[in-house]
Structure formats: structure tokens, C-alpha cells
Amino acid sequence: MKELKGSQRKYLRGLAHGLNPAAFVGQKGMTDALISEVNQGLDAAELIKVKFVDNKEKETKTALAREIARRTQSHLAGLIGHVAIYYREHREPEKRTITIP
């Protein structure tokens, strides 16, 4: 999994603008159910949003967002306010819907 360039992350953030959050991180933080939900969302759509409901401190959100990306083997395309944007290319080339420039 190669790292995304800044322009590629910006492109993905633009695509994600109209999306609704696919998962929510509550007071329990990162759970196996959350990781499973994020994996299912990425398998279905390649690009998803995850909203942080209870974690308001930037350092906490950033740490959780990076850990979610690591555990789901996805890219963190951006962290805007209380929303993280994740991208993971579909395993099967014929099912890929997003082409990154």
C-alpha cells in the first residue's frame, strides 16, 4: 500500500464531500465492531467518512483516525473537523469505482 500524495488526498476529499458518515466513533472509542463496520464500508464503496461524536480533542481524534487506518489497511485522506475520510482500493480491479489521478 503506497502512500497517497497531497494532490491525491485532496482529490479524494473532494469526492467525499457529498457522502454521509458510514460509521460513528462514540465514547467507547475504537472497538472491533467499529473496525468491522469501517471494513464493510470500504469494501462496498472504497471511500467513506467516519464521524467522531464524543472525542473533541484534536490529538485524540488524530491518534484514533491513524489507528483506524492502520487496522483497516486504508489511507487516511483527511481529517476535517470531527470527520475522517478513508480510502481503500477494491481488491478486484473490475469492481474499482474510483480512479486516482
PDB file of N, CA and C in Angstrom:
ATOM      1  N   MET A   1       0.859  -1.169   0.000  1.00  0.00           N
ATOM      2  CA  MET A   1       0.000   0.000   0.000  1.00  0.00           C
ATOM      3  C   MET A   1       0.907   1.234   0.000  1.00  0.00           C
ATOM      4  N   LYS A   2       0.987   1.889  -1.148  1.00  0.00           N
ATOM      5  CA  LYS A   2       1.836   3.073  -1.228  1.00  0.00           C
ATOM      6  C   LYS A   2       1.104   4.295  -0.671  1.00  0.00           C
ATOM      7  N   GLU A   3       1.884   5.235  -0.181  1.00  0.00           N
ATOM      8  CA  GLU A   3       1.336   6.439   0.433  1.00  0.00           C
ATOM      9  C   GLU A   3       0.746   7.362  -0.628  1.00  0.00           C
ATOM     10  N   LEU A   4      -0.365   8.013  -0.291  1.00  0.00           N
ATOM     11  CA  LEU A   4      -1.003   8.953  -1.214  1.00  0.00           C
ATOM     12  C   LEU A   4      -0.272  10.287  -1.207  1.00  0.00           C
ATOM     13  N   LYS A   5      -0.212  10.915  -2.375  1.00  0.00           N
ATOM     14  CA  LYS A   5       0.352  12.259  -2.488  1.00  0.00           C
ATOM     15  C   LYS A   5      -0.687  13.263  -2.003  1.00  0.00           C
ATOM     16  N   GLY A   6      -0.246  14.462  -1.708  1.00  0.00           N
ATOM     17  CA  GLY A   6      -1.144  15.513  -1.243  1.00  0.00           C
ATOM     18  C   GLY A   6      -2.258  15.822  -2.235  1.00  0.00           C
ATOM     19  N   SER A   7      -1.934  15.850  -3.521  1.00  0.00           N
ATOM     20  CA  SER A   7      -2.952  16.133  -4.541  1.00  0.00           C
ATOM     21  C   SER A   7      -3.979  15.010  -4.631  1.00  0.00           C
ATOM     22  N   GLN A   8      -3.533  13.782  -4.403  1.00  0.00           N
ATOM     23  CA  GLN A   8      -4.453  12.649  -4.428  1.00  0.00           C
ATOM     24  C   GLN A   8      -5.394  12.685  -3.234  1.00  0.00           C
ATOM     25  N   ARG A   9      -4.863  13.042  -2.058  1.00  0.00           N
ATOM     26  CA  ARG A   9      -5.715  13.172  -0.875  1.00  0.00           C
ATOM     27  C   ARG A   9      -6.743  14.287  -1.079  1.00  0.00           C
ATOM     28  N   LYS A  10      -6.321  15.384  -1.688  1.00  0.00           N
ATOM     29  CA  LYS A  10      -7.227  16.496  -1.959  1.00  0.00           C
ATOM     30  C   LYS A  10      -8.343  16.057  -2.910  1.00  0.00           C
ATOM     31  N   TYR A  11      -7.998  15.280  -3.929  1.00  0.00           N
ATOM     32  CA  TYR A  11      -8.990  14.755  -4.874  1.00  0.00           C
ATOM     33  C   TYR A  11     -10.017  13.878  -4.140  1.00  0.00           C
ATOM     34  N   LEU A  12      -9.545  13.001  -3.262  1.00  0.00           N
ATOM     35  CA  LEU A  12     -10.433  12.117  -2.513  1.00  0.00           C
ATOM     36  C   LEU A  12     -11.327  12.895  -1.555  1.00  0.00           C
ATOM     37  N   ARG A  13     -10.783  13.936  -0.915  1.00  0.00           N
ATOM     38  CA  ARG A  13     -11.597  14.770  -0.031  1.00  0.00           C
ATOM     39  C   ARG A  13     -12.720  15.436  -0.815  1.00  0.00           C
ATOM     40  N   GLY A  14     -12.436  15.851  -2.047  1.00  0.00           N
ATOM     41  CA  GLY A  14     -13.463  16.444  -2.899  1.00  0.00           C
ATOM     42  C   GLY A  14     -14.558  15.449  -3.238  1.00  0.00           C
ATOM     43  N   LEU A  15     -14.169  14.214  -3.538  1.00  0.00           N
ATOM     44  CA  LEU A  15     -15.162  13.169  -3.838  1.00  0.00           C
ATOM     45  C   LEU A  15     -16.019  12.849  -2.619  1.00  0.00           C
ATOM     46  N   ALA A  16     -15.432  12.938  -1.443  1.00  0.00           N
ATOM     47  CA  ALA A  16     -16.137  12.568  -0.208  1.00  0.00           C
ATOM     48  C   ALA A  16     -17.064  13.659   0.295  1.00  0.00           C
ATOM     49  N   HIS A  17     -16.984  14.841  -0.282  1.00  0.00           N
ATOM     50  CA  HIS A  17     -17.745  15.986   0.233  1.00  0.00           C
ATOM     51  C   HIS A  17     -19.236  15.683   0.397  1.00  0.00           C
ATOM     52  N   GLY A  18     -19.839  15.023  -0.561  1.00  0.00           N
ATOM     53  CA  GLY A  18     -21.276  14.759  -0.512  1.00  0.00           C
ATOM     54  C   GLY A  18     -21.682  13.488   0.214  1.00  0.00           C
ATOM     55  N   LEU A  19     -20.723  12.762   0.754  1.00  0.00           N
ATOM     56  CA  LEU A  19     -21.029  11.496   1.427  1.00  0.00           C
ATOM     57  C   LEU A  19     -21.510  11.714   2.854  1.00  0.00           C
ATOM     58  N   ASN A  20     -22.352  10.821   3.313  1.00  0.00           N
ATOM     59  CA  ASN A  20     -22.759  10.788   4.717  1.00  0.00           C
ATOM     60  C   ASN A  20     -21.825   9.837   5.463  1.00  0.00           C
ATOM     61  N   PRO A  21     -21.619  10.046   6.762  1.00  0.00           N
ATOM     62  CA  PRO A  21     -20.741   9.144   7.524  1.00  0.00           C
ATOM     63  C   PRO A  21     -21.237   7.697   7.491  1.00  0.00           C
ATOM     64  N   ALA A  22     -20.304   6.776   7.284  1.00  0.00           N
ATOM     65  CA  ALA A  22     -20.637   5.349   7.249  1.00  0.00           C
ATOM     66  C   ALA A  22     -20.514   4.721   8.634  1.00  0.00           C
ATOM     67  N   ALA A  23     -19.785   5.386   9.529  1.00  0.00           N
ATOM     68  CA  ALA A  23     -19.590   4.859  10.879  1.00  0.00           C
ATOM     69  C   ALA A  23     -19.393   6.030  11.836  1.00  0.00           C
ATOM     70  N   PHE A  24     -19.660   5.767  13.106  1.00  0.00           N
ATOM     71  CA  PHE A  24     -19.524   6.786  14.138  1.00  0.00           C
ATOM     72  C   PHE A  24     -18.654   6.253  15.268  1.00  0.00           C
ATOM     73  N   VAL A  25     -17.720   7.083  15.737  1.00  0.00           N
ATOM     74  CA  VAL A  25     -16.876   6.716  16.870  1.00  0.00           C
ATOM     75  C   VAL A  25     -17.463   7.398  18.096  1.00  0.00           C
ATOM     76  N   GLY A  26     -17.946   6.608  19.037  1.00  0.00           N
ATOM     77  CA  GLY A  26     -18.582   7.143  20.233  1.00  0.00           C
ATOM     78  C   GLY A  26     -17.646   7.156  21.421  1.00  0.00           C
ATOM     79  N   GLN A  27     -18.227   7.147  22.605  1.00  0.00           N
ATOM     80  CA  GLN A  27     -17.438   7.241  23.832  1.00  0.00           C
ATOM     81  C   GLN A  27     -16.593   6.008  24.096  1.00  0.00           C
ATOM     82  N   LYS A  28     -16.960   4.864  23.508  1.00  0.00           N
ATOM     83  CA  LYS A  28     -16.163   3.652  23.692  1.00  0.00           C
ATOM     84  C   LYS A  28     -14.889   3.673  22.861  1.00  0.00           C
ATOM     85  N   GLY A  29     -14.796   4.623  21.944  1.00  0.00           N
ATOM     86  CA  GLY A  29     -13.599   4.724  21.101  1.00  0.00           C
ATOM     87  C   GLY A  29     -13.574   3.645  20.042  1.00  0.00           C
ATOM     88  N   MET A  30     -12.401   3.085  19.839  1.00  0.00           N
ATOM     89  CA  MET A  30     -12.238   2.081  18.801  1.00  0.00           C
ATOM     90  C   MET A  30     -12.596   0.707  19.339  1.00  0.00           C
ATOM     91  N   THR A  31     -13.560   0.074  18.695  1.00  0.00           N
ATOM     92  CA  THR A  31     -13.984  -1.266  19.066  1.00  0.00           C
ATOM     93  C   THR A  31     -13.873  -2.176  17.853  1.00  0.00           C
ATOM     94  N   ASP A  32     -13.979  -3.481  18.084  1.00  0.00           N
ATOM     95  CA  ASP A  32     -13.952  -4.428  16.968  1.00  0.00           C
ATOM     96  C   ASP A  32     -15.141  -4.199  16.044  1.00  0.00           C
ATOM     97  N   ALA A  33     -16.285  -3.813  16.614  1.00  0.00           N
ATOM     98  CA  ALA A  33     -17.471  -3.544  15.808  1.00  0.00           C
ATOM     99  C   ALA A  33     -17.238  -2.345  14.884  1.00  0.00           C
ATOM    100  N   LEU A  34     -16.559  -1.329  15.381  1.00  0.00           N
ATOM    101  CA  LEU A  34     -16.245  -0.163  14.563  1.00  0.00           C
ATOM    102  C   LEU A  34     -15.326  -0.549  13.408  1.00  0.00           C
ATOM    103  N   ILE A  35     -14.282  -1.298  13.692  1.00  0.00           N
ATOM    104  CA  ILE A  35     -13.342  -1.728  12.647  1.00  0.00           C
ATOM    105  C   ILE A  35     -14.065  -2.567  11.603  1.00  0.00           C
ATOM    106  N   SER A  36     -14.952  -3.448  12.047  1.00  0.00           N
ATOM    107  CA  SER A  36     -15.734  -4.274  11.130  1.00  0.00           C
ATOM    108  C   SER A  36     -16.622  -3.410  10.247  1.00  0.00           C
ATOM    109  N   GLU A  37     -17.260  -2.416  10.833  1.00  0.00           N
ATOM    110  CA  GLU A  37     -18.141  -1.521  10.083  1.00  0.00           C
ATOM    111  C   GLU A  37     -17.361  -0.703   9.049  1.00  0.00           C
ATOM    112  N   VAL A  38     -16.198  -0.221   9.434  1.00  0.00           N
ATOM    113  CA  VAL A  38     -15.350   0.534   8.506  1.00  0.00           C
ATOM    114  C   VAL A  38     -14.887  -0.372   7.364  1.00  0.00           C
ATOM    115  N   ASN A  39     -14.475  -1.596   7.687  1.00  0.00           N
ATOM    116  CA  ASN A  39     -14.064  -2.549   6.638  1.00  0.00           C
ATOM    117  C   ASN A  39     -15.196  -2.832   5.664  1.00  0.00           C
ATOM    118  N   GLN A  40     -16.405  -3.024   6.174  1.00  0.00           N
ATOM    119  CA  GLN A  40     -17.553  -3.280   5.304  1.00  0.00           C
ATOM    120  C   GLN A  40     -17.833  -2.089   4.408  1.00  0.00           C
ATOM    121  N   GLY A  41     -17.758  -0.889   4.960  1.00  0.00           N
ATOM    122  CA  GLY A  41     -17.973   0.312   4.173  1.00  0.00           C
ATOM    123  C   GLY A  41     -16.936   0.479   3.082  1.00  0.00           C
ATOM    124  N   LEU A  42     -15.680   0.225   3.403  1.00  0.00           N
ATOM    125  CA  LEU A  42     -14.614   0.337   2.413  1.00  0.00           C
ATOM    126  C   LEU A  42     -14.731  -0.727   1.328  1.00  0.00           C
ATOM    127  N   ASP A  43     -15.150  -1.934   1.706  1.00  0.00           N
ATOM    128  CA  ASP A  43     -15.361  -2.987   0.709  1.00  0.00           C
ATOM    129  C   ASP A  43     -16.483  -2.619  -0.258  1.00  0.00           C
ATOM    130  N   ALA A  44     -17.490  -1.934   0.258  1.00  0.00           N
ATOM    131  CA  ALA A  44     -18.642  -1.580  -0.572  1.00  0.00           C
ATOM    132  C   ALA A  44     -18.396  -0.333  -1.411  1.00  0.00           C
ATOM    133  N   ALA A  45     -17.704   0.669  -0.860  1.00  0.00           N
ATOM    134  CA  ALA A  45     -17.658   1.959  -1.541  1.00  0.00           C
ATOM    135  C   ALA A  45     -16.259   2.512  -1.798  1.00  0.00           C
ATOM    136  N   GLU A  46     -15.221   1.929  -1.279  1.00  0.00           N
ATOM    137  CA  GLU A  46     -13.837   2.386  -1.418  1.00  0.00           C
ATOM    138  C   GLU A  46     -13.530   3.700  -0.680  1.00  0.00           C
ATOM    139  N   LEU A  47     -14.501   4.595  -0.573  1.00  0.00           N
ATOM    140  CA  LEU A  47     -14.296   5.893   0.063  1.00  0.00           C
ATOM    141  C   LEU A  47     -15.426   6.136   1.055  1.00  0.00           C
ATOM    142  N   ILE A  48     -15.069   6.336   2.325  1.00  0.00           N
ATOM    143  CA  ILE A  48     -16.104   6.542   3.347  1.00  0.00           C
ATOM    144  C   ILE A  48     -15.687   7.647   4.309  1.00  0.00           C
ATOM    145  N   LYS A  49     -16.679   8.108   5.072  1.00  0.00           N
ATOM    146  CA  LYS A  49     -16.447   9.060   6.152  1.00  0.00           C
ATOM    147  C   LYS A  49     -16.744   8.371   7.481  1.00  0.00           C
ATOM    148  N   VAL A  50     -15.982   8.742   8.494  1.00  0.00           N
ATOM    149  CA  VAL A  50     -16.220   8.266   9.855  1.00  0.00           C
ATOM    150  C   VAL A  50     -16.300   9.506  10.737  1.00  0.00           C
ATOM    151  N   LYS A  51     -17.377   9.621  11.500  1.00  0.00           N
ATOM    152  CA  LYS A  51     -17.578  10.798  12.342  1.00  0.00           C
ATOM    153  C   LYS A  51     -17.229  10.486  13.791  1.00  0.00           C
ATOM    154  N   PHE A  52     -16.499  11.411  14.408  1.00  0.00           N
ATOM    155  CA  PHE A  52     -16.144  11.314  15.819  1.00  0.00           C
ATOM    156  C   PHE A  52     -17.181  12.096  16.611  1.00  0.00           C
ATOM    157  N   VAL A  53     -17.950  11.394  17.450  1.00  0.00           N
ATOM    158  CA  VAL A  53     -19.048  12.012  18.180  1.00  0.00           C
ATOM    159  C   VAL A  53     -18.591  12.558  19.528  1.00  0.00           C
ATOM    160  N   ASP A  54     -17.855  11.778  20.294  1.00  0.00           N
ATOM    161  CA  ASP A  54     -17.501  12.171  21.654  1.00  0.00           C
ATOM    162  C   ASP A  54     -16.079  12.693  21.816  1.00  0.00           C
ATOM    163  N   ASN A  55     -15.207  12.395  20.896  1.00  0.00           N
ATOM    164  CA  ASN A  55     -13.806  12.813  21.019  1.00  0.00           C
ATOM    165  C   ASN A  55     -13.623  14.172  20.374  1.00  0.00           C
ATOM    166  N   LYS A  56     -13.472  15.200  21.187  1.00  0.00           N
ATOM    167  CA  LYS A  56     -13.376  16.554  20.670  1.00  0.00           C
ATOM    168  C   LYS A  56     -11.936  17.071  20.610  1.00  0.00           C
ATOM    169  N   GLU A  57     -10.999  16.443  21.313  1.00  0.00           N
ATOM    170  CA  GLU A  57      -9.615  16.899  21.309  1.00  0.00           C
ATOM    171  C   GLU A  57      -8.946  16.446  20.021  1.00  0.00           C
ATOM    172  N   LYS A  58      -8.255  17.371  19.367  1.00  0.00           N
ATOM    173  CA  LYS A  58      -7.639  17.091  18.078  1.00  0.00           C
ATOM    174  C   LYS A  58      -6.618  15.955  18.150  1.00  0.00           C
ATOM    175  N   GLU A  59      -5.801  15.934  19.205  1.00  0.00           N
ATOM    176  CA  GLU A  59      -4.771  14.900  19.322  1.00  0.00           C
ATOM    177  C   GLU A  59      -5.405  13.511  19.444  1.00  0.00           C
ATOM    178  N   THR A  60      -6.499  13.414  20.193  1.00  0.00           N
ATOM    179  CA  THR A  60      -7.193  12.142  20.360  1.00  0.00           C
ATOM    180  C   THR A  60      -7.796  11.685  19.040  1.00  0.00           C
ATOM    181  N   LYS A  61      -8.452  12.606  18.335  1.00  0.00           N
ATOM    182  CA  LYS A  61      -9.051  12.261  17.037  1.00  0.00           C
ATOM    183  C   LYS A  61      -7.986  11.816  16.046  1.00  0.00           C
ATOM    184  N   THR A  62      -6.879  12.540  16.005  1.00  0.00           N
ATOM    185  CA  THR A  62      -5.810  12.202  15.073  1.00  0.00           C
ATOM    186  C   THR A  62      -5.241  10.817  15.366  1.00  0.00           C
ATOM    187  N   ALA A  63      -5.002  10.522  16.631  1.00  0.00           N
ATOM    188  CA  ALA A  63      -4.473   9.211  17.015  1.00  0.00           C
ATOM    189  C   ALA A  63      -5.460   8.097  16.667  1.00  0.00           C
ATOM    190  N   LEU A  64      -6.744   8.300  16.984  1.00  0.00           N
ATOM    191  CA  LEU A  64      -7.758   7.295  16.648  1.00  0.00           C
ATOM    192  C   LEU A  64      -7.879   7.115  15.142  1.00  0.00           C
ATOM    193  N   ALA A  65      -7.870   8.219  14.392  1.00  0.00           N
ATOM    194  CA  ALA A  65      -8.007   8.157  12.937  1.00  0.00           C
ATOM    195  C   ALA A  65      -6.857   7.369  12.316  1.00  0.00           C
ATOM    196  N   ARG A  66      -5.650   7.612  12.780  1.00  0.00           N
ATOM    197  CA  ARG A  66      -4.493   6.883  12.246  1.00  0.00           C
ATOM    198  C   ARG A  66      -4.545   5.399  12.606  1.00  0.00           C
ATOM    199  N   GLU A  67      -5.008   5.107  13.816  1.00  0.00           N
ATOM    200  CA  GLU A  67      -5.111   3.709  14.242  1.00  0.00           C
ATOM    201  C   GLU A  67      -6.179   2.961  13.433  1.00  0.00           C
ATOM    202  N   ILE A  68      -7.296   3.625  13.147  1.00  0.00           N
ATOM    203  CA  ILE A  68      -8.335   3.012  12.314  1.00  0.00           C
ATOM    204  C   ILE A  68      -7.775   2.725  10.924  1.00  0.00           C
ATOM    205  N   ALA A  69      -7.041   3.672  10.365  1.00  0.00           N
ATOM    206  CA  ALA A  69      -6.436   3.473   9.040  1.00  0.00           C
ATOM    207  C   ALA A  69      -5.469   2.289   9.066  1.00  0.00           C
ATOM    208  N   ARG A  70      -4.677   2.203  10.112  1.00  0.00           N
ATOM    209  CA  ARG A  70      -3.718   1.103  10.222  1.00  0.00           C
ATOM    210  C   ARG A  70      -4.418  -0.249  10.325  1.00  0.00           C
ATOM    211  N   ARG A  71      -5.441  -0.316  11.178  1.00  0.00           N
ATOM    212  CA  ARG A  71      -6.132  -1.590  11.402  1.00  0.00           C
ATOM    213  C   ARG A  71      -6.991  -2.024  10.224  1.00  0.00           C
ATOM    214  N   THR A  72      -7.442  -1.080   9.410  1.00  0.00           N
ATOM    215  CA  THR A  72      -8.261  -1.421   8.240  1.00  0.00           C
ATOM    216  C   THR A  72      -7.439  -1.457   6.960  1.00  0.00           C
ATOM    217  N   GLN A  73      -6.135  -1.185   7.066  1.00  0.00           N
ATOM    218  CA  GLN A  73      -5.234  -1.137   5.921  1.00  0.00           C
ATOM    219  C   GLN A  73      -5.773  -0.193   4.845  1.00  0.00           C
ATOM    220  N   SER A  74      -6.160   1.000   5.281  1.00  0.00           N
ATOM    221  CA  SER A  74      -6.692   2.008   4.367  1.00  0.00           C
ATOM    222  C   SER A  74      -5.853   3.279   4.478  1.00  0.00           C
ATOM    223  N   HIS A  75      -6.153   4.233   3.615  1.00  0.00           N
ATOM    224  CA  HIS A  75      -5.480   5.525   3.634  1.00  0.00           C
ATOM    225  C   HIS A  75      -6.371   6.534   4.334  1.00  0.00           C
ATOM    226  N   LEU A  76      -5.788   7.345   5.172  1.00  0.00           N
ATOM    227  CA  LEU A  76      -6.495   8.463   5.783  1.00  0.00           C
ATOM    228  C   LEU A  76      -6.344   9.635   4.820  1.00  0.00           C
ATOM    229  N   ALA A  77      -7.410   9.936   4.069  1.00  0.00           N
ATOM    230  CA  ALA A  77      -7.357  11.002   3.066  1.00  0.00           C
ATOM    231  C   ALA A  77      -7.485  12.374   3.696  1.00  0.00           C
ATOM    232  N   GLY A  78      -8.095  12.455   4.870  1.00  0.00           N
ATOM    233  CA  GLY A  78      -8.227  13.742   5.532  1.00  0.00           C
ATOM    234  C   GLY A  78      -8.963  13.636   6.845  1.00  0.00           C
ATOM    235  N   LEU A  79      -8.711  14.622   7.690  1.00  0.00           N
ATOM    236  CA  LEU A  79      -9.410  14.729   8.963  1.00  0.00           C
ATOM    237  C   LEU A  79      -9.875  16.174   9.050  1.00  0.00           C
ATOM    238  N   ILE A  80     -11.153  16.378   8.803  1.00  0.00           N
ATOM    239  CA  ILE A  80     -11.726  17.718   8.744  1.00  0.00           C
ATOM    240  C   ILE A  80     -12.758  17.835   9.859  1.00  0.00           C
ATOM    241  N   GLY A  81     -12.481  18.694  10.820  1.00  0.00           N
ATOM    242  CA  GLY A  81     -13.387  18.850  11.950  1.00  0.00           C
ATOM    243  C   GLY A  81     -13.492  17.556  12.728  1.00  0.00           C
ATOM    244  N   HIS A  82     -14.693  17.008  12.789  1.00  0.00           N
ATOM    245  CA  HIS A  82     -14.934  15.757  13.517  1.00  0.00           C
ATOM    246  C   HIS A  82     -15.140  14.582  12.566  1.00  0.00           C
ATOM    247  N   VAL A  83     -14.696  14.726  11.317  1.00  0.00           N
ATOM    248  CA  VAL A  83     -14.919  13.694  10.304  1.00  0.00           C
ATOM    249  C   VAL A  83     -13.591  13.268   9.678  1.00  0.00           C
ATOM    250  N   ALA A  84     -13.368  11.945   9.629  1.00  0.00           N
ATOM    251  CA  ALA A  84     -12.196  11.380   8.963  1.00  0.00           C
ATOM    252  C   ALA A  84     -12.647  10.746   7.654  1.00  0.00           C
ATOM    253  N   ILE A  85     -11.812  10.857   6.625  1.00  0.00           N
ATOM    254  CA  ILE A  85     -12.121  10.301   5.309  1.00  0.00           C
ATOM    255  C   ILE A  85     -11.108   9.200   5.019  1.00  0.00           C
ATOM    256  N   TYR A  86     -11.627   8.016   4.696  1.00  0.00           N
ATOM    257  CA  TYR A  86     -10.776   6.858   4.438  1.00  0.00           C
ATOM    258  C   TYR A  86     -10.977   6.352   3.019  1.00  0.00           C
ATOM    259  N   TYR A  87      -9.868   5.882   2.438  1.00  0.00           N
ATOM    260  CA  TYR A  87      -9.908   5.306   1.095  1.00  0.00           C
ATOM    261  C   TYR A  87      -9.129   3.999   1.100  1.00  0.00           C
ATOM    262  N   ARG A  88      -9.722   2.987   0.464  1.00  0.00           N
ATOM    263  CA  ARG A  88      -9.024   1.727   0.237  1.00  0.00           C
ATOM    264  C   ARG A  88      -9.466   1.191  -1.112  1.00  0.00           C
ATOM    265  N   GLU A  89      -8.499   0.984  -1.983  1.00  0.00           N
ATOM    266  CA  GLU A  89      -8.782   0.471  -3.318  1.00  0.00           C
ATOM    267  C   GLU A  89      -9.384  -0.929  -3.213  1.00  0.00           C
ATOM    268  N   HIS A  90     -10.397  -1.195  -4.038  1.00  0.00           N
ATOM    269  CA  HIS A  90     -11.041  -2.514  -4.021  1.00  0.00           C
ATOM    270  C   HIS A  90     -10.049  -3.571  -4.476  1.00  0.00           C
ATOM    271  N   ARG A  91     -10.128  -4.742  -3.887  1.00  0.00           N
ATOM    272  CA  ARG A  91      -9.190  -5.828  -4.208  1.00  0.00           C
ATOM    273  C   ARG A  91      -9.323  -6.304  -5.650  1.00  0.00           C
ATOM    274  N   GLU A  92     -10.556  -6.296  -6.151  1.00  0.00           N
ATOM    275  CA  GLU A  92     -10.811  -6.778  -7.511  1.00  0.00           C
ATOM    276  C   GLU A  92     -10.832  -5.587  -8.476  1.00  0.00           C
ATOM    277  N   PRO A  93      -9.909  -5.570  -9.464  1.00  0.00           N
ATOM    278  CA  PRO A  93      -9.810  -4.416 -10.367  1.00  0.00           C
ATOM    279  C   PRO A  93     -11.105  -4.059 -11.093  1.00  0.00           C
ATOM    280  N   GLU A  94     -11.920  -5.042 -11.440  1.00  0.00           N
ATOM    281  CA  GLU A  94     -13.155  -4.749 -12.176  1.00  0.00           C
ATOM    282  C   GLU A  94     -14.223  -4.089 -11.304  1.00  0.00           C
ATOM    283  N   LYS A  95     -14.071  -4.148  -9.982  1.00  0.00           N
ATOM    284  CA  LYS A  95     -15.041  -3.537  -9.066  1.00  0.00           C
ATOM    285  C   LYS A  95     -14.600  -2.152  -8.563  1.00  0.00           C
ATOM    286  N   ARG A  96     -13.462  -1.674  -9.029  1.00  0.00           N
ATOM    287  CA  ARG A  96     -12.977  -0.362  -8.589  1.00  0.00           C
ATOM    288  C   ARG A  96     -13.791   0.740  -9.260  1.00  0.00           C
ATOM    289  N   THR A  97     -14.253   1.684  -8.448  1.00  0.00           N
ATOM    290  CA  THR A  97     -15.074   2.773  -8.976  1.00  0.00           C
ATOM    291  C   THR A  97     -14.337   4.112  -8.957  1.00  0.00           C
ATOM    292  N   ILE A  98     -13.258   4.202  -8.211  1.00  0.00           N
ATOM    293  CA  ILE A  98     -12.521   5.454  -8.079  1.00  0.00           C
ATOM    294  C   ILE A  98     -11.166   5.302  -8.749  1.00  0.00           C
ATOM    295  N   THR A  99     -10.860   6.244  -9.648  1.00  0.00           N
ATOM    296  CA  THR A  99      -9.569   6.295 -10.293  1.00  0.00           C
ATOM    297  C   THR A  99      -8.842   7.520  -9.769  1.00  0.00           C
ATOM    298  N   ILE A 100      -7.741   7.298  -9.106  1.00  0.00           N
ATOM    299  CA  ILE A 100      -6.969   8.405  -8.531  1.00  0.00           C
ATOM    300  C   ILE A 100      -6.020   8.947  -9.577  1.00  0.00           C
ATOM    301  N   PRO A 101      -6.017  10.266  -9.776  1.00  0.00           N
ATOM    302  CA  PRO A 101      -5.100  10.854 -10.779  1.00  0.00           C
ATOM    303  C   PRO A 101      -3.637  10.734 -10.363  1.00  0.00           C
TER     304      PRO A 101
END
